[in-house]
Amino acid sequence: MSGLEWGLIIFGLFVLLVLASCVKIVPQAYAYVVERLGGYQATWEVGIHVKMPLIDKVAKKVILKEQVVDFAPQPVITKDNVTMKIDTVVFFQITDPKLFAYGVEHPIMAIENLTATSLRNIIGDLELDETLTSREIINTKMRVTLDVATDPWGIKVTRVELKNIIPPAAIQDAMEKQMKAERERRESILIAEGSKKSAILIAEGKKESAILEAEGEKLSAILRAEAKKEATIREAEGQAEAILSVQKANAEGIRYLNEAAPQNAVIQLKSLEAFAKAADGKATKIIIPSDIQGFAGMVKALVEVGKDD
């Protein structure tokens, strides 16, 4: 193979390499800023692009995703002359690749300086206690201030967070002592409330026990009274039934006597039997009606006649 042929092959390979270098593929969430002969030419978005060889170049590859920058703690002075350190976290997104490429030389450094300046201005209007309790307000003010300042650079600040607020060591010790005292106070309150609740529960338990005991005694007394009442009623009913039975028996006896129609002699004889029973007692005197005495004499005469016969 001659030298001319080798030269053509080398030239062809060079042309292919140049053409291949002119084909660019822009990935997702990226943008390429292209310059032609040193001046801005175009902004390439996602897809395949071809640039002019030798005169076009990709000047800057810009990331369009949201980015996070954590800045070092910055010394600030509060309104009541307390020096502290605050470190911030800034979330931003590039919205215009051209402005980002040509707006400022070092965008991240510029944002850091703006953050420190804005933070000092905002904290300078607040006292220590307000600084420690107003994070959301400070975050909002910082975001608005940075967003306005970075808009000409094609940057949008989406969020700002105060990561740490570091007061001086003496103030930290005082705050820790105050927090410790507050915790001890709350603990004492909780213990006192617990003791009070325990005493109340014990008293309520004793009260409930006394009530139950009294109710038990009351119920027991009621039951004893009802039992005694029931026994008395039963006894009275038994006595009443016995009296009724006796009265019925007497009534039956009288009825039988009435039905039998006894003569006067029989009646007087029964009367004597009754007085005989009465005489068996301890009575020293017995008064006998006169008619019965006459009847007794008649009975005696009859007995004597019977003996003579």
Protein backbone atom coordinates (compact mmCIF):
# COMPACT_ATOMS: atom_id res chain seq x y z
CA MET A 1 0.00 0.00 0.00
CA SER A 2 1.44 3.31 -1.07
CA GLY A 3 2.02 6.33 1.12
CA LEU A 4 -0.85 8.21 -0.50
CA GLU A 5 -3.29 5.53 0.48
CA TRP A 6 -2.07 5.57 4.05
CA GLY A 7 -2.47 9.31 4.09
CA LEU A 8 -6.06 9.10 2.86
CA ILE A 9 -6.89 6.49 5.49
CA ILE A 10 -5.44 8.64 8.26
CA PHE A 11 -7.27 11.71 6.99
CA GLY A 12 -10.51 9.76 6.85
CA LEU A 13 -10.11 8.58 10.43
CA PHE A 14 -9.40 12.15 11.52
CA VAL A 15 -12.56 13.39 9.81
CA LEU A 16 -14.59 10.66 11.50
CA LEU A 17 -13.17 11.57 14.89
CA VAL A 18 -13.95 15.25 14.32
CA LEU A 19 -17.50 14.48 13.23
CA ALA A 20 -17.99 12.14 16.16
CA SER A 21 -16.83 14.87 18.54
CA CYS A 22 -19.40 17.23 17.07
CA VAL A 23 -22.30 14.97 18.04
CA LYS A 24 -23.45 15.58 21.63
CA ILE A 25 -26.19 13.92 23.67
CA VAL A 26 -27.62 15.98 26.52
CA PRO A 27 -28.86 13.73 29.38
CA GLN A 28 -31.97 14.28 31.50
CA ALA A 29 -31.87 17.18 34.01
CA TYR A 30 -28.93 18.80 32.25
CA ALA A 31 -28.47 21.73 29.87
CA TYR A 32 -25.42 22.64 27.76
CA VAL A 33 -24.41 26.23 27.08
CA VAL A 34 -22.76 26.34 23.59
CA GLU A 35 -20.42 29.13 22.39
CA ARG A 36 -19.36 29.91 18.86
CA LEU A 37 -16.03 31.65 18.45
CA GLY A 38 -16.16 32.69 22.12
CA GLY A 39 -19.71 34.10 22.12
CA TYR A 40 -22.96 32.60 23.34
CA GLN A 41 -24.60 30.52 20.62
CA ALA A 42 -27.37 28.40 22.16
CA THR A 43 -28.59 26.35 25.11
CA TRP A 44 -29.00 22.68 24.38
CA GLU A 45 -31.67 20.78 26.25
CA VAL A 46 -32.25 17.01 26.53
CA GLY A 47 -31.56 15.09 23.31
CA ILE A 48 -28.97 14.75 20.51
CA HIS A 49 -27.25 17.85 19.06
CA VAL A 50 -24.53 18.57 16.48
CA LYS A 51 -22.13 21.48 16.73
CA MET A 52 -19.93 23.04 14.11
CA PRO A 53 -16.46 21.59 14.27
CA LEU A 54 -13.65 23.76 15.54
CA ILE A 55 -15.77 26.91 15.94
CA ASP A 56 -18.43 25.65 18.39
CA LYS A 57 -17.78 24.37 21.89
CA VAL A 58 -19.76 23.41 24.99
CA ALA A 59 -18.86 26.19 27.39
CA LYS A 60 -20.76 24.95 30.46
CA LYS A 61 -22.76 21.90 31.52
CA VAL A 62 -25.52 23.04 33.85
CA ILE A 63 -27.35 20.76 36.32
CA LEU A 64 -31.09 21.56 36.41
CA LYS A 65 -31.89 19.41 39.46
CA GLU A 66 -32.47 20.99 42.86
CA GLN A 67 -29.17 21.29 44.69
CA VAL A 68 -28.23 21.62 48.34
CA VAL A 69 -25.38 23.64 49.79
CA ASP A 70 -24.40 23.42 53.48
CA PHE A 71 -22.52 26.55 54.55
CA ALA A 72 -20.15 26.75 57.50
CA PRO A 73 -21.33 28.45 60.72
CA GLN A 74 -21.38 32.24 60.47
CA PRO A 75 -20.83 34.52 63.48
CA VAL A 76 -23.78 36.87 64.08
CA ILE A 77 -24.70 39.38 66.79
CA THR A 78 -28.23 39.65 68.16
CA LYS A 79 -30.03 42.86 69.07
CA ASP A 80 -29.08 42.37 72.76
CA ASN A 81 -25.37 42.01 71.82
CA VAL A 82 -25.06 38.24 72.12
CA THR A 83 -22.60 36.68 69.68
CA MET A 84 -23.52 33.30 68.33
CA LYS A 85 -22.81 31.07 65.35
CA ILE A 86 -25.43 29.88 62.89
CA ASP A 87 -24.92 27.49 59.98
CA THR A 88 -27.44 27.36 57.18
CA VAL A 89 -28.54 24.97 54.46
CA VAL A 90 -29.69 26.47 51.14
CA PHE A 91 -31.75 24.60 48.54
CA PHE A 92 -31.64 26.13 45.04
CA GLN A 93 -32.36 25.28 41.41
CA ILE A 94 -30.96 26.71 38.18
CA THR A 95 -33.81 28.04 36.04
CA ASP A 96 -31.82 29.84 33.29
CA PRO A 97 -28.55 28.14 32.20
CA LYS A 98 -27.43 31.20 30.18
CA LEU A 99 -27.76 33.60 33.13
CA PHE A 100 -26.14 31.03 35.39
CA ALA A 101 -23.17 30.70 32.99
CA TYR A 102 -22.64 34.44 32.46
CA GLY A 103 -24.33 36.13 35.42
CA VAL A 104 -21.75 35.64 38.17
CA GLU A 105 -18.26 34.15 38.26
CA HIS A 106 -18.66 31.86 41.27
CA PRO A 107 -22.38 31.35 41.94
CA ILE A 108 -22.01 29.15 45.03
CA MET A 109 -19.58 31.54 46.68
CA ALA A 110 -21.88 34.42 45.86
CA ILE A 111 -24.83 32.62 47.45
CA GLU A 112 -22.75 31.91 50.57
CA ASN A 113 -21.79 35.56 50.93
CA LEU A 114 -25.37 36.65 50.39
CA THR A 115 -26.54 34.14 53.00
CA ALA A 116 -24.08 35.43 55.60
CA THR A 117 -25.01 39.06 54.94
CA SER A 118 -28.75 38.44 55.03
CA LEU A 119 -28.42 36.35 58.19
CA ARG A 120 -26.54 39.11 60.00
CA ASN A 121 -29.14 41.69 59.00
CA ILE A 122 -32.08 39.55 60.15
CA ILE A 123 -30.51 38.36 63.43
CA GLY A 124 -29.41 41.93 64.21
CA ASP A 125 -33.07 42.91 64.58
CA LEU A 126 -33.86 40.03 66.96
CA GLU A 127 -32.97 39.34 70.57
CA LEU A 128 -31.54 36.04 71.76
CA ASP A 129 -34.84 34.53 72.87
CA GLU A 130 -36.53 35.56 69.61
CA THR A 131 -33.68 34.05 67.60
CA LEU A 132 -34.03 30.73 69.38
CA THR A 133 -37.82 30.60 68.94
CA SER A 134 -38.28 32.18 65.48
CA ARG A 135 -36.58 29.76 63.13
CA GLU A 136 -39.48 29.61 60.69
CA ILE A 137 -39.64 33.39 60.43
CA ILE A 138 -35.89 33.62 59.86
CA ASN A 139 -36.03 30.85 57.24
CA THR A 140 -38.79 32.64 55.31
CA LYS A 141 -37.03 36.00 55.37
CA MET A 142 -33.78 34.41 54.24
CA ARG A 143 -35.44 32.59 51.36
CA VAL A 144 -37.19 35.71 50.07
CA THR A 145 -34.02 37.81 50.31
CA LEU A 146 -31.82 35.23 48.57
CA ASP A 147 -34.40 34.48 45.89
CA VAL A 148 -34.61 38.13 44.88
CA ALA A 149 -30.82 38.55 44.89
CA THR A 150 -30.07 35.39 42.85
CA ASP A 151 -32.80 35.87 40.23
CA PRO A 152 -30.46 37.79 37.85
CA TRP A 153 -28.10 34.81 37.99
CA GLY A 154 -30.72 32.34 36.77
CA ILE A 155 -30.98 30.76 40.24
CA LYS A 156 -34.14 30.22 42.27
CA VAL A 157 -33.72 29.68 46.01
CA THR A 158 -36.46 27.22 47.01
CA ARG A 159 -35.71 26.77 50.69
CA VAL A 160 -33.44 27.96 53.50
CA GLU A 161 -32.99 26.17 56.82
CA LEU A 162 -31.09 27.17 59.95
CA LYS A 163 -29.22 23.99 60.73
CA ASN A 164 -27.68 24.90 64.08
CA ILE A 165 -27.83 27.90 66.39
CA ILE A 166 -24.79 27.85 68.67
CA PRO A 167 -24.89 30.44 71.50
CA PRO A 168 -21.83 31.22 73.68
CA ALA A 169 -20.71 28.66 76.25
CA ALA A 170 -21.87 30.77 79.23
CA ILE A 171 -25.34 31.14 77.76
CA GLN A 172 -25.43 27.42 76.96
CA ASP A 173 -24.60 26.64 80.61
CA ALA A 174 -27.30 29.03 81.81
CA MET A 175 -29.81 27.53 79.40
CA GLU A 176 -28.92 24.01 80.52
CA LYS A 177 -29.32 25.01 84.18
CA GLN A 178 -32.65 26.63 83.39
CA MET A 179 -33.80 23.55 81.51
CA LYS A 180 -32.63 21.34 84.38
CA ALA A 181 -34.51 23.49 86.90
CA GLU A 182 -37.60 23.37 84.70
CA ARG A 183 -37.38 19.59 84.43
CA GLU A 184 -36.98 19.29 88.22
CA ARG A 185 -39.94 21.62 88.75
CA ARG A 186 -42.09 19.57 86.40
CA GLU A 187 -40.92 16.39 88.11
CA SER A 188 -41.88 17.82 91.51
CA ILE A 189 -45.27 18.85 90.15
CA LEU A 190 -45.82 15.40 88.70
CA ILE A 191 -44.77 13.73 91.97
CA ALA A 192 -47.07 16.02 93.97
CA GLU A 193 -49.94 15.37 91.59
CA GLY A 194 -49.27 11.65 91.78
CA SER A 195 -49.23 11.73 95.60
CA LYS A 196 -52.43 13.76 95.62
CA LYS A 197 -54.14 11.39 93.24
CA SER A 198 -52.91 8.42 95.30
CA ALA A 199 -54.26 9.98 98.52
CA ILE A 200 -57.57 10.73 96.81
CA LEU A 201 -57.81 7.18 95.53
CA ILE A 202 -57.00 5.77 98.98
CA ALA A 203 -59.59 8.05 100.61
CA GLU A 204 -62.17 7.12 97.99
CA GLY A 205 -61.36 3.46 98.54
CA LYS A 206 -61.81 3.81 102.32
CA LYS A 207 -65.00 5.77 101.78
CA GLU A 208 -66.33 3.15 99.40
CA SER A 209 -65.35 0.39 101.83
CA ALA A 210 -67.09 2.20 104.73
CA ILE A 211 -70.19 2.73 102.58
CA LEU A 212 -70.24 -0.91 101.58
CA GLU A 213 -69.70 -2.00 105.17
CA ALA A 214 -72.49 0.29 106.40
CA GLU A 215 -74.79 -0.94 103.66
CA GLY A 216 -73.91 -4.50 104.60
CA GLU A 217 -74.71 -3.85 108.26
CA LYS A 218 -77.89 -2.06 107.28
CA LEU A 219 -78.95 -4.95 105.07
CA SER A 220 -78.05 -7.44 107.80
CA ALA A 221 -80.12 -5.49 110.37
CA ILE A 222 -83.02 -5.30 107.93
CA LEU A 223 -82.80 -9.03 107.32
CA ARG A 224 -82.67 -9.74 111.10
CA ALA A 225 -85.65 -7.46 111.70
CA GLU A 226 -87.57 -9.05 108.87
CA ALA A 227 -86.70 -12.52 110.21
CA LYS A 228 -87.81 -11.51 113.71
CA LYS A 229 -90.95 -9.97 112.28
CA GLU A 230 -91.63 -13.07 110.26
CA ALA A 231 -91.10 -15.28 113.35
CA THR A 232 -93.43 -13.08 115.43
CA ILE A 233 -96.03 -13.18 112.68
CA ARG A 234 -95.71 -16.94 112.41
CA GLU A 235 -95.96 -17.33 116.20
CA ALA A 236 -98.97 -15.06 116.33
CA GLU A 237 -100.55 -16.91 113.47
CA GLY A 238 -99.85 -20.21 115.29
CA GLN A 239 -101.41 -18.92 118.50
CA ALA A 240 -104.35 -17.54 116.56
CA GLU A 241 -104.80 -20.87 114.81
CA ALA A 242 -104.60 -22.71 118.18
CA ILE A 243 -107.18 -20.36 119.74
CA LEU A 244 -109.33 -20.73 116.68
CA SER A 245 -109.06 -24.50 116.90
CA VAL A 246 -110.00 -24.42 120.60
CA GLN A 247 -112.89 -22.10 119.87
CA LYS A 248 -114.00 -24.33 117.03
CA ALA A 249 -113.82 -27.36 119.33
CA ASN A 250 -115.84 -25.53 121.97
CA ALA A 251 -118.30 -24.44 119.36
CA GLU A 252 -118.58 -27.99 118.10
CA GLY A 253 -119.13 -29.25 121.66
CA ILE A 254 -121.83 -26.65 122.28
CA ARG A 255 -123.41 -27.50 118.93
CA TYR A 256 -123.43 -31.20 119.84
CA LEU A 257 -124.94 -30.40 123.25
CA ASN A 258 -127.59 -28.27 121.61
CA GLU A 259 -128.37 -31.01 119.14
CA ALA A 260 -128.57 -33.58 121.96
CA ALA A 261 -130.99 -31.30 123.93
CA PRO A 262 -129.67 -32.24 127.41
CA GLN A 263 -131.90 -32.06 130.44
CA ASN A 264 -131.25 -29.80 133.37
CA ALA A 265 -129.95 -32.65 135.42
CA VAL A 266 -127.19 -33.38 132.88
CA ILE A 267 -126.22 -29.75 132.71
CA GLN A 268 -126.05 -29.51 136.46
CA LEU A 269 -124.00 -32.71 136.56
CA LYS A 270 -121.48 -31.26 134.11
CA SER A 271 -121.35 -28.16 136.23
CA LEU A 272 -120.44 -30.28 139.20
CA GLU A 273 -117.65 -31.93 137.23
CA ALA A 274 -116.33 -28.52 136.28
CA PHE A 275 -116.36 -27.39 139.91
CA ALA A 276 -114.69 -30.63 140.89
CA LYS A 277 -111.84 -29.83 138.54
CA ALA A 278 -111.69 -26.33 139.91
CA ALA A 279 -111.53 -27.76 143.42
CA ASP A 280 -108.39 -29.72 142.48
CA GLY A 281 -106.48 -26.45 142.25
CA LYS A 282 -104.89 -24.42 145.03
CA ALA A 283 -107.91 -22.21 145.68
CA THR A 284 -108.88 -22.13 149.33
CA LYS A 285 -112.43 -20.97 148.75
CA ILE A 286 -114.93 -21.96 146.07
CA ILE A 287 -118.31 -20.27 145.82
CA ILE A 288 -120.95 -22.67 144.52
CA PRO A 289 -124.27 -21.35 143.27
CA SER A 290 -127.32 -22.28 145.36
CA ASP A 291 -129.06 -24.22 142.63
CA ILE A 292 -126.05 -26.45 142.26
CA GLN A 293 -125.94 -26.94 146.02
CA GLY A 294 -129.54 -28.18 145.94
CA PHE A 295 -128.73 -30.43 143.09
CA ALA A 296 -125.81 -31.80 145.03
CA GLY A 297 -128.09 -32.60 147.98
CA MET A 298 -130.43 -34.41 145.66
CA VAL A 299 -127.55 -36.41 144.23
CA LYS A 300 -126.42 -37.32 147.72
CA ALA A 301 -129.94 -38.50 148.65
CA LEU A 302 -130.03 -40.63 145.58
CA VAL A 303 -126.74 -42.19 146.52
CA GLU A 304 -127.97 -42.97 149.99
CA VAL A 305 -131.13 -44.59 148.56
CA GLY A 306 -129.01 -46.66 146.35
CA LYS A 307 -126.98 -47.87 149.28
CA ASP A 308 -130.17 -48.92 151.18
CA ASP A 309 -131.42 -50.90 148.22
